PDB file of all heavy atoms in Angstrom:
ATOM      1  N   LYS A   1       0.819  -1.217   0.000  1.00  0.00           N
ATOM      2  CA  LYS A   1       0.000   0.000   0.000  1.00  0.00           C
ATOM      3  C   LYS A   1       0.850   1.263   0.000  1.00  0.00           C
ATOM      4  O   LYS A   1       0.321   2.375   0.129  1.00  0.00           O
ATOM      5  CB  LYS A   1      -0.931   0.011   1.233  1.00  0.00           C
ATOM      6  CG  LYS A   1      -1.920  -1.136   1.272  1.00  0.00           C
ATOM      7  CD  LYS A   1      -2.874  -1.097   0.075  1.00  0.00           C
ATOM      8  CE  LYS A   1      -3.897  -2.213   0.139  1.00  0.00           C
ATOM      9  NZ  LYS A   1      -4.783  -2.209  -1.054  1.00  0.00           N
ATOM     10  N   GLY A   2       2.168   1.085  -0.140  1.00  0.00           N
ATOM     11  CA  GLY A   2       3.046   2.245  -0.162  1.00  0.00           C
ATOM     12  C   GLY A   2       3.329   2.811   1.221  1.00  0.00           C
ATOM     13  O   GLY A   2       3.767   3.967   1.341  1.00  0.00           O
ATOM     14  N   ARG A   3       3.095   2.006   2.262  1.00  0.00           N
ATOM     15  CA  ARG A   3       3.393   2.451   3.622  1.00  0.00           C
ATOM     16  C   ARG A   3       4.793   2.001   4.025  1.00  0.00           C
ATOM     17  O   ARG A   3       5.251   0.934   3.611  1.00  0.00           O
ATOM     18  CB  ARG A   3       2.352   1.907   4.606  1.00  0.00           C
ATOM     19  CG  ARG A   3       0.949   2.473   4.396  1.00  0.00           C
ATOM     20  CD  ARG A   3       0.020   1.994   5.489  1.00  0.00           C
ATOM     21  NE  ARG A   3      -0.228   0.567   5.388  1.00  0.00           N
ATOM     22  CZ  ARG A   3      -1.341   0.011   4.933  1.00  0.00           C
ATOM     23  NH1 ARG A   3      -2.339   0.793   4.509  1.00  0.00           N
ATOM     24  NH2 ARG A   3      -1.493  -1.301   4.891  1.00  0.00           N
ATOM     25  N   ILE A   4       5.438   2.795   4.872  1.00  0.00           N
ATOM     26  CA  ILE A   4       6.824   2.541   5.249  1.00  0.00           C
ATOM     27  C   ILE A   4       6.889   1.430   6.296  1.00  0.00           C
ATOM     28  O   ILE A   4       6.246   1.495   7.349  1.00  0.00           O
ATOM     29  CB  ILE A   4       7.480   3.823   5.802  1.00  0.00           C
ATOM     30  CG1 ILE A   4       7.503   4.912   4.724  1.00  0.00           C
ATOM     31  CG2 ILE A   4       8.896   3.538   6.284  1.00  0.00           C
ATOM     32  CD1 ILE A   4       7.975   6.260   5.223  1.00  0.00           C
ATOM     33  N   LEU A   5       7.684   0.387   5.993  1.00  0.00           N
ATOM     34  CA  LEU A   5       7.896  -0.721   6.922  1.00  0.00           C
ATOM     35  C   LEU A   5       9.229  -0.602   7.656  1.00  0.00           C
ATOM     36  O   LEU A   5       9.349  -0.990   8.814  1.00  0.00           O
ATOM     37  CB  LEU A   5       7.878  -2.051   6.167  1.00  0.00           C
ATOM     38  CG  LEU A   5       6.563  -2.466   5.504  1.00  0.00           C
ATOM     39  CD1 LEU A   5       6.769  -3.745   4.714  1.00  0.00           C
ATOM     40  CD2 LEU A   5       5.481  -2.665   6.555  1.00  0.00           C
ATOM     41  N   LEU A   6      10.234  -0.065   6.942  1.00  0.00           N
ATOM     42  CA  LEU A   6      11.584  -0.039   7.499  1.00  0.00           C
ATOM     43  C   LEU A   6      12.367   1.083   6.824  1.00  0.00           C
ATOM     44  O   LEU A   6      12.194   1.337   5.625  1.00  0.00           O
ATOM     45  CB  LEU A   6      12.281  -1.388   7.251  1.00  0.00           C
ATOM     46  CG  LEU A   6      13.701  -1.576   7.778  1.00  0.00           C
ATOM     47  CD1 LEU A   6      13.698  -1.607   9.301  1.00  0.00           C
ATOM     48  CD2 LEU A   6      14.299  -2.878   7.231  1.00  0.00           C
ATOM     49  N   VAL A   7      13.203   1.759   7.590  1.00  0.00           N
ATOM     50  CA  VAL A   7      14.100   2.773   7.040  1.00  0.00           C
ATOM     51  C   VAL A   7      15.496   2.518   7.605  1.00  0.00           C
ATOM     52  O   VAL A   7      15.641   1.909   8.660  1.00  0.00           O
ATOM     53  CB  VAL A   7      13.645   4.212   7.389  1.00  0.00           C
ATOM     54  CG1 VAL A   7      12.310   4.534   6.753  1.00  0.00           C
ATOM     55  CG2 VAL A   7      13.601   4.424   8.901  1.00  0.00           C
ATOM     56  N   ASN A   8      16.514   2.996   6.903  1.00  0.00           N
ATOM     57  CA  ASN A   8      17.875   2.825   7.414  1.00  0.00           C
ATOM     58  C   ASN A   8      18.346   4.102   8.106  1.00  0.00           C
ATOM     59  O   ASN A   8      17.647   5.122   8.142  1.00  0.00           O
ATOM     60  CB  ASN A   8      18.832   2.400   6.303  1.00  0.00           C
ATOM     61  CG  ASN A   8      19.072   3.488   5.274  1.00  0.00           C
ATOM     62  OD1 ASN A   8      18.326   4.458   5.193  1.00  0.00           O
ATOM     63  ND2 ASN A   8      20.119   3.323   4.472  1.00  0.00           N
ATOM     64  N   ASP A   9      19.562   4.061   8.648  1.00  0.00           N
ATOM     65  CA  ASP A   9      20.084   5.187   9.419  1.00  0.00           C
ATOM     66  C   ASP A   9      20.226   6.447   8.584  1.00  0.00           C
ATOM     67  O   ASP A   9      20.106   7.559   9.101  1.00  0.00           O
ATOM     68  CB  ASP A   9      21.449   4.815  10.018  1.00  0.00           C
ATOM     69  CG  ASP A   9      21.329   3.814  11.157  1.00  0.00           C
ATOM     70  OD1 ASP A   9      20.199   3.628  11.652  1.00  0.00           O
ATOM     71  OD2 ASP A   9      22.348   3.218  11.545  1.00  0.00           O
ATOM     72  N   ALA A  10      20.489   6.289   7.276  1.00  0.00           N
ATOM     73  CA  ALA A  10      20.644   7.464   6.417  1.00  0.00           C
ATOM     74  C   ALA A  10      19.344   8.248   6.320  1.00  0.00           C
ATOM     75  O   ALA A  10      19.355   9.488   6.255  1.00  0.00           O
ATOM     76  CB  ALA A  10      21.105   7.034   5.024  1.00  0.00           C
ATOM     77  N   VAL A  11      18.199   7.560   6.323  1.00  0.00           N
ATOM     78  CA  VAL A  11      16.895   8.238   6.310  1.00  0.00           C
ATOM     79  C   VAL A  11      16.673   8.961   7.627  1.00  0.00           C
ATOM     80  O   VAL A  11      16.266  10.122   7.666  1.00  0.00           O
ATOM     81  CB  VAL A  11      15.761   7.228   6.054  1.00  0.00           C
ATOM     82  CG1 VAL A  11      14.401   7.906   6.220  1.00  0.00           C
ATOM     83  CG2 VAL A  11      15.887   6.620   4.669  1.00  0.00           C
ATOM     84  N   VAL A  12      16.959   8.269   8.727  1.00  0.00           N
ATOM     85  CA  VAL A  12      16.755   8.860  10.062  1.00  0.00           C
ATOM     86  C   VAL A  12      17.604  10.123  10.217  1.00  0.00           C
ATOM     87  O   VAL A  12      17.131  11.147  10.712  1.00  0.00           O
ATOM     88  CB  VAL A  12      17.100   7.832  11.158  1.00  0.00           C
ATOM     89  CG1 VAL A  12      16.997   8.474  12.539  1.00  0.00           C
ATOM     90  CG2 VAL A  12      16.186   6.616  11.057  1.00  0.00           C
ATOM     91  N   ALA A  13      18.848  10.064   9.761  1.00  0.00           N
ATOM     92  CA  ALA A  13      19.740  11.222   9.875  1.00  0.00           C
ATOM     93  C   ALA A  13      19.270  12.372   9.000  1.00  0.00           C
ATOM     94  O   ALA A  13      19.433  13.542   9.365  1.00  0.00           O
ATOM     95  CB  ALA A  13      21.163  10.816   9.492  1.00  0.00           C
ATOM     96  N   SER A  14      18.676  12.063   7.855  1.00  0.00           N
ATOM     97  CA  SER A  14      18.231  13.114   6.942  1.00  0.00           C
ATOM     98  C   SER A  14      16.962  13.794   7.437  1.00  0.00           C
ATOM     99  O   SER A  14      16.841  15.024   7.395  1.00  0.00           O
ATOM    100  CB  SER A  14      17.979  12.527   5.547  1.00  0.00           C
ATOM    101  OG  SER A  14      19.146  11.933   5.021  1.00  0.00           O
ATOM    102  N   ILE A  15      16.003  13.013   7.923  1.00  0.00           N
ATOM    103  CA  ILE A  15      14.696  13.569   8.317  1.00  0.00           C
ATOM    104  C   ILE A  15      14.705  14.062   9.755  1.00  0.00           C
ATOM    105  O   ILE A  15      13.899  14.904  10.143  1.00  0.00           O
ATOM    106  CB  ILE A  15      13.600  12.499   8.108  1.00  0.00           C
ATOM    107  CG1 ILE A  15      13.514  12.137   6.625  1.00  0.00           C
ATOM    108  CG2 ILE A  15      12.249  12.968   8.609  1.00  0.00           C
ATOM    109  CD1 ILE A  15      12.479  11.111   6.285  1.00  0.00           C
ATOM    110  N   GLU A  16      15.645  13.531  10.548  1.00  0.00           N
ATOM    111  CA  GLU A  16      15.751  13.903  11.955  1.00  0.00           C
ATOM    112  C   GLU A  16      14.473  13.544  12.716  1.00  0.00           C
ATOM    113  O   GLU A  16      13.939  14.317  13.495  1.00  0.00           O
ATOM    114  CB  GLU A  16      16.073  15.397  12.110  1.00  0.00           C
ATOM    115  CG  GLU A  16      17.428  15.770  11.525  1.00  0.00           C
ATOM    116  CD  GLU A  16      17.766  17.242  11.721  1.00  0.00           C
ATOM    117  OE1 GLU A  16      16.871  17.987  12.131  1.00  0.00           O
ATOM    118  OE2 GLU A  16      18.916  17.620  11.459  1.00  0.00           O
ATOM    119  N   GLN A  17      13.966  12.341  12.432  1.00  0.00           N
ATOM    120  CA  GLN A  17      12.838  11.785  13.170  1.00  0.00           C
ATOM    121  C   GLN A  17      13.208  10.379  13.620  1.00  0.00           C
ATOM    122  O   GLN A  17      14.058   9.726  13.009  1.00  0.00           O
ATOM    123  CB  GLN A  17      11.581  11.695  12.296  1.00  0.00           C
ATOM    124  CG  GLN A  17      10.912  13.025  11.996  1.00  0.00           C
ATOM    125  CD  GLN A  17       9.595  12.826  11.269  1.00  0.00           C
ATOM    126  OE1 GLN A  17       9.007  11.747  11.303  1.00  0.00           O
ATOM    127  NE2 GLN A  17       9.128  13.884  10.611  1.00  0.00           N
ATOM    128  N   GLN A  18      12.572   9.915  14.667  1.00  0.00           N
ATOM    129  CA  GLN A  18      12.778   8.550  15.106  1.00  0.00           C
ATOM    130  C   GLN A  18      12.103   7.590  14.135  1.00  0.00           C
ATOM    131  O   GLN A  18      11.049   7.932  13.570  1.00  0.00           O
ATOM    132  CB  GLN A  18      12.222   8.344  16.522  1.00  0.00           C
ATOM    133  CG  GLN A  18      12.984   9.091  17.595  1.00  0.00           C
ATOM    134  CD  GLN A  18      14.456   8.680  17.635  1.00  0.00           C
ATOM    135  OE1 GLN A  18      14.781   7.494  17.596  1.00  0.00           O
ATOM    136  NE2 GLN A  18      15.340   9.677  17.698  1.00  0.00           N
ATOM    137  N   PRO A  19      12.676   6.423  13.889  1.00  0.00           N
ATOM    138  CA  PRO A  19      12.071   5.478  12.940  1.00  0.00           C
ATOM    139  C   PRO A  19      10.621   5.162  13.273  1.00  0.00           C
ATOM    140  O   PRO A  19       9.785   5.013  12.376  1.00  0.00           O
ATOM    141  CB  PRO A  19      12.953   4.228  13.064  1.00  0.00           C
ATOM    142  CG  PRO A  19      14.262   4.731  13.582  1.00  0.00           C
ATOM    143  CD  PRO A  19      13.929   5.902  14.451  1.00  0.00           C
ATOM    144  N   GLU A  20      10.307   5.072  14.590  1.00  0.00           N
ATOM    145  CA  GLU A  20       8.941   4.723  14.987  1.00  0.00           C
ATOM    146  C   GLU A  20       7.923   5.751  14.503  1.00  0.00           C
ATOM    147  O   GLU A  20       6.756   5.415  14.256  1.00  0.00           O
ATOM    148  CB  GLU A  20       8.850   4.584  16.512  1.00  0.00           C
ATOM    149  CG  GLU A  20       9.686   3.450  17.103  1.00  0.00           C
ATOM    150  CD  GLU A  20      11.173   3.795  17.185  1.00  0.00           C
ATOM    151  OE1 GLU A  20      11.519   4.989  17.025  1.00  0.00           O
ATOM    152  OE2 GLU A  20      11.990   2.870  17.379  1.00  0.00           O
ATOM    153  N   GLN A  21       8.355   7.000  14.363  1.00  0.00           N
ATOM    154  CA  GLN A  21       7.443   8.044  13.913  1.00  0.00           C
ATOM    155  C   GLN A  21       7.129   7.929  12.426  1.00  0.00           C
ATOM    156  O   GLN A  21       6.104   8.410  11.963  1.00  0.00           O
ATOM    157  CB  GLN A  21       8.049   9.428  14.190  1.00  0.00           C
ATOM    158  CG  GLN A  21       8.258   9.724  15.670  1.00  0.00           C
ATOM    159  CD  GLN A  21       8.962  11.051  15.875  1.00  0.00           C
ATOM    160  OE1 GLN A  21      10.188  11.124  15.845  1.00  0.00           O
ATOM    161  NE2 GLN A  21       8.183  12.094  16.077  1.00  0.00           N
ATOM    162  N   MET A  22       8.037   7.291  11.661  1.00  0.00           N
ATOM    163  CA  MET A  22       7.838   7.166  10.212  1.00  0.00           C
ATOM    164  C   MET A  22       7.141   5.877   9.831  1.00  0.00           C
ATOM    165  O   MET A  22       6.445   5.830   8.809  1.00  0.00           O
ATOM    166  CB  MET A  22       9.188   7.226   9.506  1.00  0.00           C
ATOM    167  CG  MET A  22       9.814   8.610   9.489  1.00  0.00           C
ATOM    168  SD  MET A  22      11.393   8.599   8.637  1.00  0.00           S
ATOM    169  CE  MET A  22      12.476   8.104   9.954  1.00  0.00           C
ATOM    170  N   LEU A  23       7.308   4.822  10.607  1.00  0.00           N
ATOM    171  CA  LEU A  23       6.751   3.528  10.243  1.00  0.00           C
ATOM    172  C   LEU A  23       5.233   3.612  10.139  1.00  0.00           C
ATOM    173  O   LEU A  23       4.562   4.149  11.027  1.00  0.00           O
ATOM    174  CB  LEU A  23       7.154   2.461  11.256  1.00  0.00           C
ATOM    175  CG  LEU A  23       8.666   2.259  11.448  1.00  0.00           C
ATOM    176  CD1 LEU A  23       8.941   1.061  12.348  1.00  0.00           C
ATOM    177  CD2 LEU A  23       9.361   2.088  10.105  1.00  0.00           C
ATOM    178  N   GLY A  24       4.703   3.071   9.041  1.00  0.00           N
ATOM    179  CA  GLY A  24       3.264   3.121   8.801  1.00  0.00           C
ATOM    180  C   GLY A  24       2.818   4.349   8.030  1.00  0.00           C
ATOM    181  O   GLY A  24       1.680   4.399   7.552  1.00  0.00           O
ATOM    182  N   SER A  25       3.695   5.328   7.887  1.00  0.00           N
ATOM    183  CA  SER A  25       3.339   6.532   7.126  1.00  0.00           C
ATOM    184  C   SER A  25       3.405   6.238   5.628  1.00  0.00           C
ATOM    185  O   SER A  25       4.109   5.344   5.177  1.00  0.00           O
ATOM    186  CB  SER A  25       4.293   7.680   7.463  1.00  0.00           C
ATOM    187  OG  SER A  25       4.280   7.983   8.835  1.00  0.00           O
ATOM    188  N   GLU A  26       2.652   7.022   4.867  1.00  0.00           N
ATOM    189  CA  GLU A  26       2.698   6.886   3.405  1.00  0.00           C
ATOM    190  C   GLU A  26       4.007   7.457   2.893  1.00  0.00           C
ATOM    191  O   GLU A  26       4.446   8.525   3.323  1.00  0.00           O
ATOM    192  CB  GLU A  26       1.515   7.629   2.778  1.00  0.00           C
ATOM    193  CG  GLU A  26       0.175   7.159   3.290  1.00  0.00           C
ATOM    194  CD  GLU A  26      -0.675   6.584   2.168  1.00  0.00           C
ATOM    195  OE1 GLU A  26      -0.349   6.829   1.009  1.00  0.00           O
ATOM    196  OE2 GLU A  26      -1.641   5.890   2.502  1.00  0.00           O
ATOM    197  N   ILE A  27       4.630   6.753   1.954  1.00  0.00           N
ATOM    198  CA  ILE A  27       5.915   7.189   1.424  1.00  0.00           C
ATOM    199  C   ILE A  27       5.801   8.544   0.727  1.00  0.00           C
ATOM    200  O   ILE A  27       6.749   9.326   0.710  1.00  0.00           O
ATOM    201  CB  ILE A  27       6.502   6.117   0.460  1.00  0.00           C
ATOM    202  CG1 ILE A  27       7.912   6.503   0.006  1.00  0.00           C
ATOM    203  CG2 ILE A  27       5.589   5.910  -0.735  1.00  0.00           C
ATOM    204  CD1 ILE A  27       8.918   6.601   1.107  1.00  0.00           C
ATOM    205  N   ASN A  28       4.631   8.857   0.153  1.00  0.00           N
ATOM    206  CA  ASN A  28       4.458  10.133  -0.548  1.00  0.00           C
ATOM    207  C   ASN A  28       4.500  11.337   0.385  1.00  0.00           C
ATOM    208  O   ASN A  28       4.597  12.476  -0.076  1.00  0.00           O
ATOM    209  CB  ASN A  28       3.155  10.137  -1.346  1.00  0.00           C
ATOM    210  CG  ASN A  28       3.244   9.264  -2.589  1.00  0.00           C
ATOM    211  OD1 ASN A  28       2.606   8.221  -2.667  1.00  0.00           O
ATOM    212  ND2 ASN A  28       4.069   9.663  -3.544  1.00  0.00           N
ATOM    213  N   GLU A  29       4.445  11.108   1.694  1.00  0.00           N
ATOM    214  CA  GLU A  29       4.623  12.211   2.643  1.00  0.00           C
ATOM    215  C   GLU A  29       6.073  12.695   2.642  1.00  0.00           C
ATOM    216  O   GLU A  29       6.347  13.845   2.987  1.00  0.00           O
ATOM    217  CB  GLU A  29       4.239  11.769   4.054  1.00  0.00           C
ATOM    218  CG  GLU A  29       2.757  11.457   4.243  1.00  0.00           C
ATOM    219  CD  GLU A  29       2.455  11.055   5.668  1.00  0.00           C
ATOM    220  OE1 GLU A  29       3.243  11.431   6.572  1.00  0.00           O
ATOM    221  OE2 GLU A  29       1.452  10.344   5.899  1.00  0.00           O
ATOM    222  N   PHE A  30       6.994  11.819   2.251  1.00  0.00           N
ATOM    223  CA  PHE A  30       8.420  12.158   2.292  1.00  0.00           C
ATOM    224  C   PHE A  30       9.056  12.266   0.903  1.00  0.00           C
ATOM    225  O   PHE A  30       9.971  13.061   0.712  1.00  0.00           O
ATOM    226  CB  PHE A  30       9.176  11.098   3.109  1.00  0.00           C
ATOM    227  CG  PHE A  30       8.672  10.936   4.515  1.00  0.00           C
ATOM    228  CD1 PHE A  30       7.744   9.945   4.832  1.00  0.00           C
ATOM    229  CD2 PHE A  30       9.111  11.783   5.523  1.00  0.00           C
ATOM    230  CE1 PHE A  30       7.272   9.800   6.135  1.00  0.00           C
ATOM    231  CE2 PHE A  30       8.648  11.638   6.827  1.00  0.00           C
ATOM    232  CZ  PHE A  30       7.724  10.655   7.128  1.00  0.00           C
ATOM    233  N   VAL A  31       8.590  11.450  -0.015  1.00  0.00           N
ATOM    234  CA  VAL A  31       9.174  11.413  -1.367  1.00  0.00           C
ATOM    235  C   VAL A  31       8.095  11.779  -2.371  1.00  0.00           C
ATOM    236  O   VAL A  31       7.037  11.121  -2.433  1.00  0.00           O
ATOM    237  CB  VAL A  31       9.754  10.015  -1.688  1.00  0.00           C
ATOM    238  CG1 VAL A  31      10.348   9.996  -3.089  1.00  0.00           C
ATOM    239  CG2 VAL A  31      10.805   9.625  -0.660  1.00  0.00           C
ATOM    240  N   ARG A  32       8.351  12.825  -3.166  1.00  0.00           N
ATOM    241  CA  ARG A  32       7.369  13.297  -4.137  1.00  0.00           C
ATOM    242  C   ARG A  32       7.921  13.172  -5.561  1.00  0.00           C
ATOM    243  O   ARG A  32       9.118  13.114  -5.758  1.00  0.00           O
ATOM    244  CB  ARG A  32       7.000  14.753  -3.846  1.00  0.00           C
ATOM    245  CG  ARG A  32       6.310  14.924  -2.490  1.00  0.00           C
ATOM    246  CD  ARG A  32       5.996  16.391  -2.195  1.00  0.00           C
ATOM    247  NE  ARG A  32       5.269  16.537  -0.944  1.00  0.00           N
ATOM    248  CZ  ARG A  32       5.826  16.566   0.250  1.00  0.00           C
ATOM    249  NH1 ARG A  32       7.145  16.482   0.345  1.00  0.00           N
ATOM    250  NH2 ARG A  32       5.095  16.679   1.341  1.00  0.00           N
ATOM    251  N   GLY A  33       7.003  13.160  -6.508  1.00  0.00           N
ATOM    252  CA  GLY A  33       7.410  13.072  -7.916  1.00  0.00           C
ATOM    253  C   GLY A  33       7.136  11.723  -8.541  1.00  0.00           C
ATOM    254  O   GLY A  33       7.451  11.516  -9.725  1.00  0.00           O
ATOM    255  N   PHE A  34       6.519  10.801  -7.780  1.00  0.00           N
ATOM    256  CA  PHE A  34       6.192   9.487  -8.324  1.00  0.00           C
ATOM    257  C   PHE A  34       4.977   8.940  -7.576  1.00  0.00           C
ATOM    258  O   PHE A  34       4.904   9.017  -6.341  1.00  0.00           O
ATOM    259  CB  PHE A  34       7.373   8.520  -8.164  1.00  0.00           C
ATOM    260  CG  PHE A  34       7.123   7.145  -8.718  1.00  0.00           C
ATOM    261  CD1 PHE A  34       7.048   6.948 -10.089  1.00  0.00           C
ATOM    262  CD2 PHE A  34       6.955   6.056  -7.879  1.00  0.00           C
ATOM    263  CE1 PHE A  34       6.824   5.685 -10.615  1.00  0.00           C
ATOM    264  CE2 PHE A  34       6.726   4.789  -8.385  1.00  0.00           C
ATOM    265  CZ  PHE A  34       6.664   4.600  -9.755  1.00  0.00           C
ATOM    266  N   ASN A  35       4.021   8.390  -8.335  1.00  0.00           N
ATOM    267  CA  ASN A  35       2.811   7.835  -7.737  1.00  0.00           C
ATOM    268  C   ASN A  35       3.070   6.373  -7.363  1.00  0.00           C
ATOM    269  O   ASN A  35       2.898   5.461  -8.178  1.00  0.00           O
ATOM    270  CB  ASN A  35       1.644   7.932  -8.728  1.00  0.00           C
ATOM    271  CG  ASN A  35       0.311   7.643  -8.066  1.00  0.00           C
ATOM    272  OD1 ASN A  35       0.221   6.832  -7.140  1.00  0.00           O
ATOM    273  ND2 ASN A  35      -0.739   8.307  -8.536  1.00  0.00           N
ATOM    274  N   PHE A  36       3.514   6.165  -6.122  1.00  0.00           N
ATOM    275  CA  PHE A  36       3.866   4.822  -5.668  1.00  0.00           C
ATOM    276  C   PHE A  36       2.657   3.891  -5.657  1.00  0.00           C
ATOM    277  O   PHE A  36       2.758   2.730  -6.053  1.00  0.00           O
ATOM    278  CB  PHE A  36       4.486   4.874  -4.264  1.00  0.00           C
ATOM    279  CG  PHE A  36       5.862   5.453  -4.245  1.00  0.00           C
ATOM    280  CD1 PHE A  36       6.054   6.819  -4.113  1.00  0.00           C
ATOM    281  CD2 PHE A  36       6.973   4.643  -4.374  1.00  0.00           C
ATOM    282  CE1 PHE A  36       7.322   7.358  -4.100  1.00  0.00           C
ATOM    283  CE2 PHE A  36       8.255   5.171  -4.359  1.00  0.00           C
ATOM    284  CZ  PHE A  36       8.430   6.534  -4.224  1.00  0.00           C
ATOM    285  N   GLN A  37       1.491   4.378  -5.208  1.00  0.00           N
ATOM    286  CA  GLN A  37       0.320   3.526  -5.097  1.00  0.00           C
ATOM    287  C   GLN A  37      -0.156   3.045  -6.466  1.00  0.00           C
ATOM    288  O   GLN A  37      -0.502   1.879  -6.659  1.00  0.00           O
ATOM    289  CB  GLN A  37      -0.813   4.270  -4.380  1.00  0.00           C
ATOM    290  CG  GLN A  37      -1.974   3.367  -3.970  1.00  0.00           C
ATOM    291  CD  GLN A  37      -1.524   2.213  -3.069  1.00  0.00           C
ATOM    292  OE1 GLN A  37      -0.943   2.435  -2.029  1.00  0.00           O
ATOM    293  NE2 GLN A  37      -1.781   0.986  -3.500  1.00  0.00           N
ATOM    294  N   LYS A  38      -0.149   3.955  -7.451  1.00  0.00           N
ATOM    295  CA  LYS A  38      -0.561   3.573  -8.804  1.00  0.00           C
ATOM    296  C   LYS A  38       0.383   2.523  -9.373  1.00  0.00           C
ATOM    297  O   LYS A  38      -0.036   1.570 -10.037  1.00  0.00           O
ATOM    298  CB  LYS A  38      -0.586   4.807  -9.698  1.00  0.00           C
ATOM    299  CG  LYS A  38      -1.060   4.540 -11.113  1.00  0.00           C
ATOM    300  CD  LYS A  38      -1.100   5.824 -11.931  1.00  0.00           C
ATOM    301  CE  LYS A  38      -1.539   5.554 -13.364  1.00  0.00           C
ATOM    302  NZ  LYS A  38      -1.559   6.813 -14.177  1.00  0.00           N
ATOM    303  N   TRP A  39       1.677   2.694  -9.098  1.00  0.00           N
ATOM    304  CA  TRP A  39       2.677   1.733  -9.568  1.00  0.00           C
ATOM    305  C   TRP A  39       2.471   0.376  -8.912  1.00  0.00           C
ATOM    306  O   TRP A  39       2.504  -0.665  -9.572  1.00  0.00           O
ATOM    307  CB  TRP A  39       4.069   2.282  -9.266  1.00  0.00           C
ATOM    308  CG  TRP A  39       5.203   1.345  -9.575  1.00  0.00           C
ATOM    309  CD1 TRP A  39       5.623   0.952 -10.808  1.00  0.00           C
ATOM    310  CD2 TRP A  39       6.050   0.690  -8.633  1.00  0.00           C
ATOM    311  NE1 TRP A  39       6.701   0.086 -10.693  1.00  0.00           N
ATOM    312  CE2 TRP A  39       6.981  -0.079  -9.377  1.00  0.00           C
ATOM    313  CE3 TRP A  39       6.133   0.697  -7.243  1.00  0.00           C
ATOM    314  CZ2 TRP A  39       7.968  -0.847  -8.760  1.00  0.00           C
ATOM    315  CZ3 TRP A  39       7.110  -0.066  -6.625  1.00  0.00           C
ATOM    316  CH2 TRP A  39       8.013  -0.821  -7.378  1.00  0.00           C
ATOM    317  N   LEU A  40       2.235   0.353  -7.588  1.00  0.00           N
ATOM    318  CA  LEU A  40       2.046  -0.897  -6.865  1.00  0.00           C
ATOM    319  C   LEU A  40       0.760  -1.601  -7.264  1.00  0.00           C
ATOM    320  O   LEU A  40       0.674  -2.835  -7.209  1.00  0.00           O
ATOM    321  CB  LEU A  40       2.049  -0.629  -5.353  1.00  0.00           C
ATOM    322  CG  LEU A  40       3.415  -0.277  -4.739  1.00  0.00           C
ATOM    323  CD1 LEU A  40       3.241   0.327  -3.354  1.00  0.00           C
ATOM    324  CD2 LEU A  40       4.313  -1.508  -4.684  1.00  0.00           C
ATOM    325  N   ASP A  41      -0.265  -0.840  -7.674  1.00  0.00           N
ATOM    326  CA  ASP A  41      -1.560  -1.422  -8.064  1.00  0.00           C
ATOM    327  C   ASP A  41      -1.588  -1.851  -9.528  1.00  0.00           C
ATOM    328  O   ASP A  41      -2.579  -2.439  -9.977  1.00  0.00           O
ATOM    329  CB  ASP A  41      -2.693  -0.412  -7.825  1.00  0.00           C
ATOM    330  CG  ASP A  41      -2.933  -0.168  -6.339  1.00  0.00           C
ATOM    331  OD1 ASP A  41      -2.526  -1.027  -5.535  1.00  0.00           O
ATOM    332  OD2 ASP A  41      -3.505   0.877  -5.986  1.00  0.00           O
TER     333      ASP A  41
END
């Protein structure tokens, strides 16, 4: 569904958020310019 399951340390360092705060969020909240859901469907 395009939801975040796992991120690495480089993502955490870039966004300056704890991984737990990102898990379950839609990827389009952080990465724009591509329709992930349409691609996955």
